[in-house]
Amino acid sequence: MLSAGIGALGAALSLLLPCTTGHEPLRVFAAEQNESAPAGAPLIPPVAQLPEASPKATQARVRPVLTMISPGVFEMGGVRIVKSERQVEFSAVVNMNRGLLEYLIVGASGKVHESLLRTDTEPYCLHIALLLLGLEGTTQPPAAQGDQGAPRGDPVDILVEWQEDGQKRRARIEEWVLNKKDGAPLKPMQWVFTGSFIAGGVFMAQAEKSIAALHHDPIALIDNPLLDGGSDEIWFANEGAAPAVGAEVRVFIQRAASR
């Protein structure tokens, strides 16, 4: 596993690291690589390149150029950064509104058979955006999927916004998730930005398209803070809470002041 400091962020952006759609996992250049299981999580992947791609695929690349929309508001790779609100936001759709879940959010080519939402936003771009908010991830991610411990990292709030009957509605994402063990929706809580990791030269969140997990997963960028996250049998979509499958939503991830 590879770790890299926040100082790499400026270099990464200046070199226009590619955020891609439909490509193989990003591979990285680094002086040191450890092929063994990860013991921690990097703050940002080192400078990266894509495998060889066809001219058509090359044209489809979206490079994360940081663009200022207005003072304190920036966009990069489809992710909007709002400094005054300490938040990033991006578009997604409702992927499941009933059934067993293991993830809150995955990419369109990720584990969509068990995720509440799906998005075309690349985990790599979202990762950089969260770093720009000052989040740092963790050096102690879950040891493996289903780890029985509580993950450590920076606390974040996740909210969703959508249109219903011509009205804009907003809710905490916990309202859309049912804990079968308790027989009730999740109570308001702060999720944990762990930041994923690099293994064998691959940034794993980008490879797996795993963004936010209910079932503890070191690959996801964001994890469930609860010990119950060690179970993959108790998380269900809260039927009747989320809009119809396919409905467009806006996801807001806010840096929390404290746990």
C-alpha atoms as a PDB file:
ATOM      1  CA  MET A   1       0.000   0.000   0.000  1.00  0.00           C
ATOM      2  CA  LEU A   2       1.230   3.495  -0.725  1.00  0.00           C
ATOM      3  CA  SER A   3       0.791   6.614   1.366  1.00  0.00           C
ATOM      4  CA  ALA A   4       1.312  10.122   0.031  1.00  0.00           C
ATOM      5  CA  GLY A   5       1.190  13.512   1.746  1.00  0.00           C
ATOM      6  CA  ILE A   6      -1.090  16.458   1.157  1.00  0.00           C
ATOM      7  CA  GLY A   7       1.858  18.224  -0.503  1.00  0.00           C
ATOM      8  CA  ALA A   8       1.291  16.022  -3.539  1.00  0.00           C
ATOM      9  CA  LEU A   9      -2.080  17.674  -4.145  1.00  0.00           C
ATOM     10  CA  GLY A  10      -0.780  20.759  -5.906  1.00  0.00           C
ATOM     11  CA  ALA A  11       1.534  18.707  -8.090  1.00  0.00           C
ATOM     12  CA  ALA A  12      -1.261  16.343  -9.009  1.00  0.00           C
ATOM     13  CA  LEU A  13      -3.579  19.159 -10.060  1.00  0.00           C
ATOM     14  CA  SER A  14      -0.855  21.029 -11.940  1.00  0.00           C
ATOM     15  CA  LEU A  15      -0.175  17.898 -13.989  1.00  0.00           C
ATOM     16  CA  LEU A  16      -3.905  17.534 -14.768  1.00  0.00           C
ATOM     17  CA  LEU A  17      -4.303  14.010 -13.481  1.00  0.00           C
ATOM     18  CA  PRO A  18      -6.955  12.318 -15.611  1.00  0.00           C
ATOM     19  CA  CYS A  19     -10.342  11.550 -14.117  1.00  0.00           C
ATOM     20  CA  THR A  20     -11.672   8.965 -16.523  1.00  0.00           C
ATOM     21  CA  THR A  21     -14.828   7.181 -17.496  1.00  0.00           C
ATOM     22  CA  GLY A  22     -14.814   3.560 -18.563  1.00  0.00           C
ATOM     23  CA  HIS A  23     -11.073   2.968 -18.236  1.00  0.00           C
ATOM     24  CA  GLU A  24      -8.929   0.492 -16.359  1.00  0.00           C
ATOM     25  CA  PRO A  25      -7.824   1.471 -12.830  1.00  0.00           C
ATOM     26  CA  LEU A  26      -5.404   4.353 -12.480  1.00  0.00           C
ATOM     27  CA  ARG A  27      -1.824   3.205 -12.071  1.00  0.00           C
ATOM     28  CA  VAL A  28       0.724   5.325 -10.264  1.00  0.00           C
ATOM     29  CA  PHE A  29       4.402   6.154 -10.442  1.00  0.00           C
ATOM     30  CA  ALA A  30       6.169   5.987  -7.103  1.00  0.00           C
ATOM     31  CA  ALA A  31       9.587   5.326  -5.669  1.00  0.00           C
ATOM     32  CA  GLU A  32       8.250   2.641  -3.370  1.00  0.00           C
ATOM     33  CA  GLN A  33       5.464   0.128  -3.814  1.00  0.00           C
ATOM     34  CA  ASN A  34       4.281  -2.535  -1.424  1.00  0.00           C
ATOM     35  CA  GLU A  35       2.265  -5.365  -2.941  1.00  0.00           C
ATOM     36  CA  SER A  36       1.111  -6.643   0.459  1.00  0.00           C
ATOM     37  CA  ALA A  37      -2.229  -5.912   2.123  1.00  0.00           C
ATOM     38  CA  PRO A  38      -2.703  -2.260   3.111  1.00  0.00           C
ATOM     39  CA  ALA A  39      -1.934  -1.092   6.623  1.00  0.00           C
ATOM     40  CA  GLY A  40      -3.132   2.466   6.105  1.00  0.00           C
ATOM     41  CA  ALA A  41      -4.642   4.894   3.636  1.00  0.00           C
ATOM     42  CA  PRO A  42      -2.980   7.535   1.491  1.00  0.00           C
ATOM     43  CA  LEU A  43      -3.982  11.164   1.639  1.00  0.00           C
ATOM     44  CA  ILE A  44      -3.769  11.401  -2.148  1.00  0.00           C
ATOM     45  CA  PRO A  45      -2.590   9.020  -4.848  1.00  0.00           C
ATOM     46  CA  PRO A  46       0.736   9.999  -6.437  1.00  0.00           C
ATOM     47  CA  VAL A  47       1.035  11.200 -10.007  1.00  0.00           C
ATOM     48  CA  ALA A  48      -0.894   8.834 -12.266  1.00  0.00           C
ATOM     49  CA  GLN A  49      -1.248   7.766 -15.848  1.00  0.00           C
ATOM     50  CA  LEU A  50      -3.773   5.721 -17.760  1.00  0.00           C
ATOM     51  CA  PRO A  51      -3.113   2.572 -19.718  1.00  0.00           C
ATOM     52  CA  GLU A  52      -2.964   2.895 -23.488  1.00  0.00           C
ATOM     53  CA  ALA A  53      -6.414   3.692 -24.854  1.00  0.00           C
ATOM     54  CA  SER A  54      -8.034   4.025 -28.244  1.00  0.00           C
ATOM     55  CA  PRO A  55      -8.339   7.535 -29.763  1.00  0.00           C
ATOM     56  CA  LYS A  56     -12.071   7.452 -29.015  1.00  0.00           C
ATOM     57  CA  ALA A  57     -11.444   6.521 -25.380  1.00  0.00           C
ATOM     58  CA  THR A  58      -8.755   9.183 -25.113  1.00  0.00           C
ATOM     59  CA  GLN A  59     -11.234  11.839 -26.250  1.00  0.00           C
ATOM     60  CA  ALA A  60     -13.628  10.685 -23.509  1.00  0.00           C
ATOM     61  CA  ARG A  61     -11.174  11.542 -20.736  1.00  0.00           C
ATOM     62  CA  VAL A  62     -12.239  14.285 -18.345  1.00  0.00           C
ATOM     63  CA  ARG A  63      -9.289  16.004 -16.731  1.00  0.00           C
ATOM     64  CA  PRO A  64      -9.832  17.540 -13.286  1.00  0.00           C
ATOM     65  CA  VAL A  65      -9.048  21.141 -14.104  1.00  0.00           C
ATOM     66  CA  LEU A  66     -10.047  23.211 -11.092  1.00  0.00           C
ATOM     67  CA  THR A  67     -12.328  25.989 -12.364  1.00  0.00           C
ATOM     68  CA  MET A  68     -13.558  28.907 -10.265  1.00  0.00           C
ATOM     69  CA  ILE A  69     -17.296  29.380 -10.757  1.00  0.00           C
ATOM     70  CA  SER A  70     -17.504  32.320  -8.372  1.00  0.00           C
ATOM     71  CA  PRO A  71     -15.493  33.465  -5.341  1.00  0.00           C
ATOM     72  CA  GLY A  72     -15.120  30.445  -3.063  1.00  0.00           C
ATOM     73  CA  VAL A  73     -16.943  28.088  -5.469  1.00  0.00           C
ATOM     74  CA  PHE A  74     -14.976  25.706  -7.687  1.00  0.00           C
ATOM     75  CA  GLU A  75     -15.699  22.741  -9.955  1.00  0.00           C
ATOM     76  CA  MET A  76     -13.548  19.802 -10.964  1.00  0.00           C
ATOM     77  CA  GLY A  77     -14.578  16.650 -12.790  1.00  0.00           C
ATOM     78  CA  GLY A  78     -18.280  17.226 -12.092  1.00  0.00           C
ATOM     79  CA  VAL A  79     -17.707  17.868  -8.389  1.00  0.00           C
ATOM     80  CA  ARG A  80     -18.558  21.317  -7.027  1.00  0.00           C
ATOM     81  CA  ILE A  81     -16.594  22.622  -4.043  1.00  0.00           C
ATOM     82  CA  VAL A  82     -18.258  25.318  -1.912  1.00  0.00           C
ATOM     83  CA  LYS A  83     -15.753  26.627   0.614  1.00  0.00           C
ATOM     84  CA  SER A  84     -18.208  28.701   2.671  1.00  0.00           C
ATOM     85  CA  GLU A  85     -20.380  25.621   3.271  1.00  0.00           C
ATOM     86  CA  ARG A  86     -17.379  23.315   3.748  1.00  0.00           C
ATOM     87  CA  GLN A  87     -18.982  20.929   1.282  1.00  0.00           C
ATOM     88  CA  VAL A  88     -18.661  19.171  -2.039  1.00  0.00           C
ATOM     89  CA  GLU A  89     -21.638  18.241  -4.179  1.00  0.00           C
ATOM     90  CA  PHE A  90     -22.264  16.065  -7.221  1.00  0.00           C
ATOM     91  CA  SER A  91     -25.088  14.443  -9.165  1.00  0.00           C
ATOM     92  CA  ALA A  92     -26.349  10.892  -8.671  1.00  0.00           C
ATOM     93  CA  VAL A  93     -29.484   8.807  -9.211  1.00  0.00           C
ATOM     94  CA  VAL A  94     -31.507   6.524  -6.967  1.00  0.00           C
ATOM     95  CA  ASN A  95     -30.230   3.044  -7.720  1.00  0.00           C
ATOM     96  CA  MET A  96     -32.289   1.026  -5.196  1.00  0.00           C
ATOM     97  CA  ASN A  97     -35.252   2.004  -3.023  1.00  0.00           C
ATOM     98  CA  ARG A  98     -35.834  -1.443  -1.560  1.00  0.00           C
ATOM     99  CA  GLY A  99     -33.731  -4.471  -0.693  1.00  0.00           C
ATOM    100  CA  LEU A 100     -30.445  -5.323   1.004  1.00  0.00           C
ATOM    101  CA  LEU A 101     -27.626  -2.755   0.810  1.00  0.00           C
ATOM    102  CA  GLU A 102     -23.890  -2.745   1.354  1.00  0.00           C
ATOM    103  CA  TYR A 103     -23.164   0.721  -0.048  1.00  0.00           C
ATOM    104  CA  LEU A 104     -24.646   4.196   0.029  1.00  0.00           C
ATOM    105  CA  ILE A 105     -22.963   5.369  -3.178  1.00  0.00           C
ATOM    106  CA  VAL A 106     -21.002   3.655  -5.944  1.00  0.00           C
ATOM    107  CA  GLY A 107     -19.950   4.534  -9.457  1.00  0.00           C
ATOM    108  CA  ALA A 108     -22.033   3.408 -12.407  1.00  0.00           C
ATOM    109  CA  SER A 109     -19.708   0.444 -13.044  1.00  0.00           C
ATOM    110  CA  GLY A 110     -19.355  -0.400  -9.336  1.00  0.00           C
ATOM    111  CA  LYS A 111     -21.366  -2.723  -7.097  1.00  0.00           C
ATOM    112  CA  VAL A 112     -24.725  -1.388  -8.227  1.00  0.00           C
ATOM    113  CA  HIS A 113     -26.545  -4.570  -7.171  1.00  0.00           C
ATOM    114  CA  GLU A 114     -26.164  -3.477  -3.528  1.00  0.00           C
ATOM    115  CA  SER A 115     -26.006   0.322  -3.518  1.00  0.00           C
ATOM    116  CA  LEU A 116     -28.595   2.954  -2.637  1.00  0.00           C
ATOM    117  CA  LEU A 117     -27.248   5.526  -5.129  1.00  0.00           C
ATOM    118  CA  ARG A 118     -25.045   5.433  -8.213  1.00  0.00           C
ATOM    119  CA  THR A 119     -23.116   8.241  -9.860  1.00  0.00           C
ATOM    120  CA  ASP A 120     -20.977   8.991 -12.900  1.00  0.00           C
ATOM    121  CA  THR A 121     -18.664  11.033 -10.682  1.00  0.00           C
ATOM    122  CA  GLU A 122     -15.217   9.454 -10.507  1.00  0.00           C
ATOM    123  CA  PRO A 123     -13.967   8.536  -7.019  1.00  0.00           C
ATOM    124  CA  TYR A 124     -10.570  10.008  -7.900  1.00  0.00           C
ATOM    125  CA  CYS A 125     -12.060  13.458  -8.551  1.00  0.00           C
ATOM    126  CA  LEU A 126     -14.225  13.298  -5.429  1.00  0.00           C
ATOM    127  CA  HIS A 127     -11.193  12.279  -3.385  1.00  0.00           C
ATOM    128  CA  ILE A 128      -9.216  15.328  -4.507  1.00  0.00           C
ATOM    129  CA  ALA A 129     -12.216  17.595  -3.849  1.00  0.00           C
ATOM    130  CA  LEU A 130     -12.530  16.294  -0.284  1.00  0.00           C
ATOM    131  CA  LEU A 131      -8.823  16.868   0.271  1.00  0.00           C
ATOM    132  CA  LEU A 132      -9.320  20.450  -0.857  1.00  0.00           C
ATOM    133  CA  LEU A 133     -11.821  20.830   2.007  1.00  0.00           C
ATOM    134  CA  GLY A 134      -9.006  19.919   4.389  1.00  0.00           C
ATOM    135  CA  LEU A 135      -9.981  16.303   5.023  1.00  0.00           C
ATOM    136  CA  GLU A 136      -7.057  13.937   5.463  1.00  0.00           C
ATOM    137  CA  GLY A 137      -8.458  10.417   5.644  1.00  0.00           C
ATOM    138  CA  THR A 138      -6.898   7.874   7.976  1.00  0.00           C
ATOM    139  CA  THR A 139      -3.797   5.810   8.532  1.00  0.00           C
ATOM    140  CA  GLN A 140      -5.944   3.103  10.169  1.00  0.00           C
ATOM    141  CA  PRO A 141      -8.617   2.011   7.659  1.00  0.00           C
ATOM    142  CA  PRO A 142     -10.665  -1.148   8.202  1.00  0.00           C
ATOM    143  CA  ALA A 143      -8.345  -4.138   7.920  1.00  0.00           C
ATOM    144  CA  ALA A 144     -10.712  -5.860   5.494  1.00  0.00           C
ATOM    145  CA  GLN A 145     -14.287  -5.752   4.285  1.00  0.00           C
ATOM    146  CA  GLY A 146     -16.542  -6.521   7.225  1.00  0.00           C
ATOM    147  CA  ASP A 147     -13.976  -5.443   9.818  1.00  0.00           C
ATOM    148  CA  GLN A 148     -15.720  -5.556  13.216  1.00  0.00           C
ATOM    149  CA  GLY A 149     -14.038  -2.402  14.494  1.00  0.00           C
ATOM    150  CA  ALA A 150     -15.147   1.190  14.060  1.00  0.00           C
ATOM    151  CA  PRO A 151     -13.164   2.995  11.329  1.00  0.00           C
ATOM    152  CA  ARG A 152     -11.214   6.139  12.120  1.00  0.00           C
ATOM    153  CA  GLY A 153     -11.072   9.223   9.967  1.00  0.00           C
ATOM    154  CA  ASP A 154     -12.512  12.667   9.396  1.00  0.00           C
ATOM    155  CA  PRO A 155     -16.257  13.051  10.146  1.00  0.00           C
ATOM    156  CA  VAL A 156     -18.568  14.115   7.326  1.00  0.00           C
ATOM    157  CA  ASP A 157     -22.300  14.634   6.890  1.00  0.00           C
ATOM    158  CA  ILE A 158     -24.050  13.295   3.779  1.00  0.00           C
ATOM    159  CA  LEU A 159     -27.261  14.893   2.542  1.00  0.00           C
ATOM    160  CA  VAL A 160     -29.403  14.369  -0.549  1.00  0.00           C
ATOM    161  CA  GLU A 161     -31.596  16.809  -2.441  1.00  0.00           C
ATOM    162  CA  TRP A 162     -34.256  15.987  -5.039  1.00  0.00           C
ATOM    163  CA  GLN A 163     -37.431  17.252  -6.681  1.00  0.00           C
ATOM    164  CA  GLU A 164     -40.806  15.874  -5.616  1.00  0.00           C
ATOM    165  CA  ASP A 165     -44.181  17.202  -6.812  1.00  0.00           C
ATOM    166  CA  GLY A 166     -42.458  20.305  -8.107  1.00  0.00           C
ATOM    167  CA  GLN A 167     -40.837  21.005  -4.746  1.00  0.00           C
ATOM    168  CA  LYS A 168     -37.188  20.767  -3.778  1.00  0.00           C
ATOM    169  CA  ARG A 169     -36.657  18.423  -0.847  1.00  0.00           C
ATOM    170  CA  ARG A 170     -33.572  17.686   1.233  1.00  0.00           C
ATOM    171  CA  ALA A 171     -32.819  14.933   3.750  1.00  0.00           C
ATOM    172  CA  ARG A 172     -29.940  13.316   5.540  1.00  0.00           C
ATOM    173  CA  ILE A 173     -29.013  10.137   3.720  1.00  0.00           C
ATOM    174  CA  GLU A 174     -29.550   8.160   6.934  1.00  0.00           C
ATOM    175  CA  GLU A 175     -33.308   8.617   6.473  1.00  0.00           C
ATOM    176  CA  TRP A 176     -33.133   6.422   3.360  1.00  0.00           C
ATOM    177  CA  VAL A 177     -31.457   3.509   5.184  1.00  0.00           C
ATOM    178  CA  LEU A 178     -33.106   0.994   7.512  1.00  0.00           C
ATOM    179  CA  ASN A 179     -31.198  -0.919  10.185  1.00  0.00           C
ATOM    180  CA  LYS A 180     -33.087  -4.215  10.314  1.00  0.00           C
ATOM    181  CA  LYS A 181     -31.471  -5.029  13.649  1.00  0.00           C
ATOM    182  CA  ASP A 182     -33.173  -2.000  15.208  1.00  0.00           C
ATOM    183  CA  GLY A 183     -36.196  -2.049  12.920  1.00  0.00           C
ATOM    184  CA  ALA A 184     -35.825   1.688  12.311  1.00  0.00           C
ATOM    185  CA  PRO A 185     -34.126   4.155   9.970  1.00  0.00           C
ATOM    186  CA  LEU A 186     -30.637   5.237  10.908  1.00  0.00           C
ATOM    187  CA  LYS A 187     -30.433   8.091  13.364  1.00  0.00           C
ATOM    188  CA  PRO A 188     -28.570  11.227  12.239  1.00  0.00           C
ATOM    189  CA  MET A 189     -24.849  10.546  12.379  1.00  0.00           C
ATOM    190  CA  GLN A 190     -21.532  11.517  10.872  1.00  0.00           C
ATOM    191  CA  TRP A 191     -19.851   9.232   8.371  1.00  0.00           C
ATOM    192  CA  VAL A 192     -16.079   8.677   8.233  1.00  0.00           C
ATOM    193  CA  PHE A 193     -13.817   9.801   5.404  1.00  0.00           C
ATOM    194  CA  THR A 194     -11.112   7.130   5.345  1.00  0.00           C
ATOM    195  CA  GLY A 195      -9.763   7.909   1.871  1.00  0.00           C
ATOM    196  CA  SER A 196      -9.278   4.407   0.394  1.00  0.00           C
ATOM    197  CA  PHE A 197      -5.730   3.216  -0.410  1.00  0.00           C
ATOM    198  CA  ILE A 198      -3.294   2.305  -3.167  1.00  0.00           C
ATOM    199  CA  ALA A 199      -2.260  -1.326  -3.682  1.00  0.00           C
ATOM    200  CA  GLY A 200      -0.087  -2.652  -6.466  1.00  0.00           C
ATOM    201  CA  GLY A 201      -0.017   0.814  -7.990  1.00  0.00           C
ATOM    202  CA  VAL A 202      -3.831   1.031  -8.205  1.00  0.00           C
ATOM    203  CA  PHE A 203      -6.012   3.558  -6.370  1.00  0.00           C
ATOM    204  CA  MET A 204      -8.603   1.102  -5.159  1.00  0.00           C
ATOM    205  CA  ALA A 205     -11.630   3.394  -4.805  1.00  0.00           C
ATOM    206  CA  GLN A 206     -11.212   4.334  -8.466  1.00  0.00           C
ATOM    207  CA  ALA A 207     -10.769   0.700  -9.497  1.00  0.00           C
ATOM    208  CA  GLU A 208     -13.855  -0.543  -7.653  1.00  0.00           C
ATOM    209  CA  LYS A 209     -15.919   2.674  -7.970  1.00  0.00           C
ATOM    210  CA  SER A 210     -16.680   2.444  -4.244  1.00  0.00           C
ATOM    211  CA  ILE A 211     -17.526   5.816  -2.709  1.00  0.00           C
ATOM    212  CA  ALA A 212     -19.498   5.345   0.532  1.00  0.00           C
ATOM    213  CA  ALA A 213     -19.986   2.036   2.337  1.00  0.00           C
ATOM    214  CA  LEU A 214     -22.524   0.731   4.845  1.00  0.00           C
ATOM    215  CA  HIS A 215     -20.693  -2.589   5.236  1.00  0.00           C
ATOM    216  CA  HIS A 216     -17.171  -1.677   6.368  1.00  0.00           C
ATOM    217  CA  ASP A 217     -14.890  -1.537   3.339  1.00  0.00           C
ATOM    218  CA  PRO A 218     -11.305  -0.197   3.281  1.00  0.00           C
ATOM    219  CA  ILE A 219     -11.642   0.425  -0.465  1.00  0.00           C
ATOM    220  CA  ALA A 220     -14.472   2.964  -0.166  1.00  0.00           C
ATOM    221  CA  LEU A 221     -13.684   6.652   0.325  1.00  0.00           C
ATOM    222  CA  ILE A 222     -16.246   6.983   3.131  1.00  0.00           C
ATOM    223  CA  ASP A 223     -17.274   4.382   5.691  1.00  0.00           C
ATOM    224  CA  ASN A 224     -19.966   3.613   8.231  1.00  0.00           C
ATOM    225  CA  PRO A 225     -18.950   4.802  11.735  1.00  0.00           C
ATOM    226  CA  LEU A 226     -21.003   2.145  13.524  1.00  0.00           C
ATOM    227  CA  LEU A 227     -19.738  -1.187  14.821  1.00  0.00           C
ATOM    228  CA  ASP A 228     -22.776  -2.714  13.101  1.00  0.00           C
ATOM    229  CA  GLY A 229     -21.023  -1.883   9.836  1.00  0.00           C
ATOM    230  CA  GLY A 230     -19.259  -5.215  10.279  1.00  0.00           C
ATOM    231  CA  SER A 231     -22.506  -6.899   9.207  1.00  0.00           C
ATOM    232  CA  ASP A 232     -23.670  -7.252   5.603  1.00  0.00           C
ATOM    233  CA  GLU A 233     -27.134  -8.522   6.571  1.00  0.00           C
ATOM    234  CA  ILE A 234     -28.890  -5.651   8.359  1.00  0.00           C
ATOM    235  CA  TRP A 235     -28.788  -2.660   5.980  1.00  0.00           C
ATOM    236  CA  PHE A 236     -31.848  -2.130   3.792  1.00  0.00           C
ATOM    237  CA  ALA A 237     -33.282   0.676   1.714  1.00  0.00           C
ATOM    238  CA  ASN A 238     -35.995   2.384   3.736  1.00  0.00           C
ATOM    239  CA  GLU A 239     -38.988   1.722   1.485  1.00  0.00           C
ATOM    240  CA  GLY A 240     -41.118   4.774   0.896  1.00  0.00           C
ATOM    241  CA  ALA A 241     -38.415   7.223   1.971  1.00  0.00           C
ATOM    242  CA  ALA A 242     -36.339   7.513  -1.208  1.00  0.00           C
ATOM    243  CA  PRO A 243     -37.878   8.565  -4.532  1.00  0.00           C
ATOM    244  CA  ALA A 244     -38.344   6.172  -7.448  1.00  0.00           C
ATOM    245  CA  VAL A 245     -35.419   4.255  -8.909  1.00  0.00           C
ATOM    246  CA  GLY A 246     -33.773   6.429 -11.533  1.00  0.00           C
ATOM    247  CA  ALA A 247     -34.760   9.709  -9.882  1.00  0.00           C
ATOM    248  CA  GLU A 248     -32.031  12.347 -10.062  1.00  0.00           C
ATOM    249  CA  VAL A 249     -30.558  13.546  -6.775  1.00  0.00           C
ATOM    250  CA  ARG A 250     -27.842  15.921  -5.682  1.00  0.00           C
ATOM    251  CA  VAL A 251     -25.432  14.599  -3.048  1.00  0.00           C
ATOM    252  CA  PHE A 252     -23.822  16.960  -0.544  1.00  0.00           C
ATOM    253  CA  ILE A 253     -20.842  15.860   1.549  1.00  0.00           C
ATOM    254  CA  GLN A 254     -20.052  18.362   4.275  1.00  0.00           C
ATOM    255  CA  ARG A 255     -17.008  18.546   6.479  1.00  0.00           C
ATOM    256  CA  ALA A 256     -18.295  18.166  10.026  1.00  0.00           C
ATOM    257  CA  ALA A 257     -17.056  20.418  12.804  1.00  0.00           C
ATOM    258  CA  SER A 258     -16.763  17.493  15.226  1.00  0.00           C
ATOM    259  CA  ARG A 259     -17.938  13.986  15.868  1.00  0.00           C
END
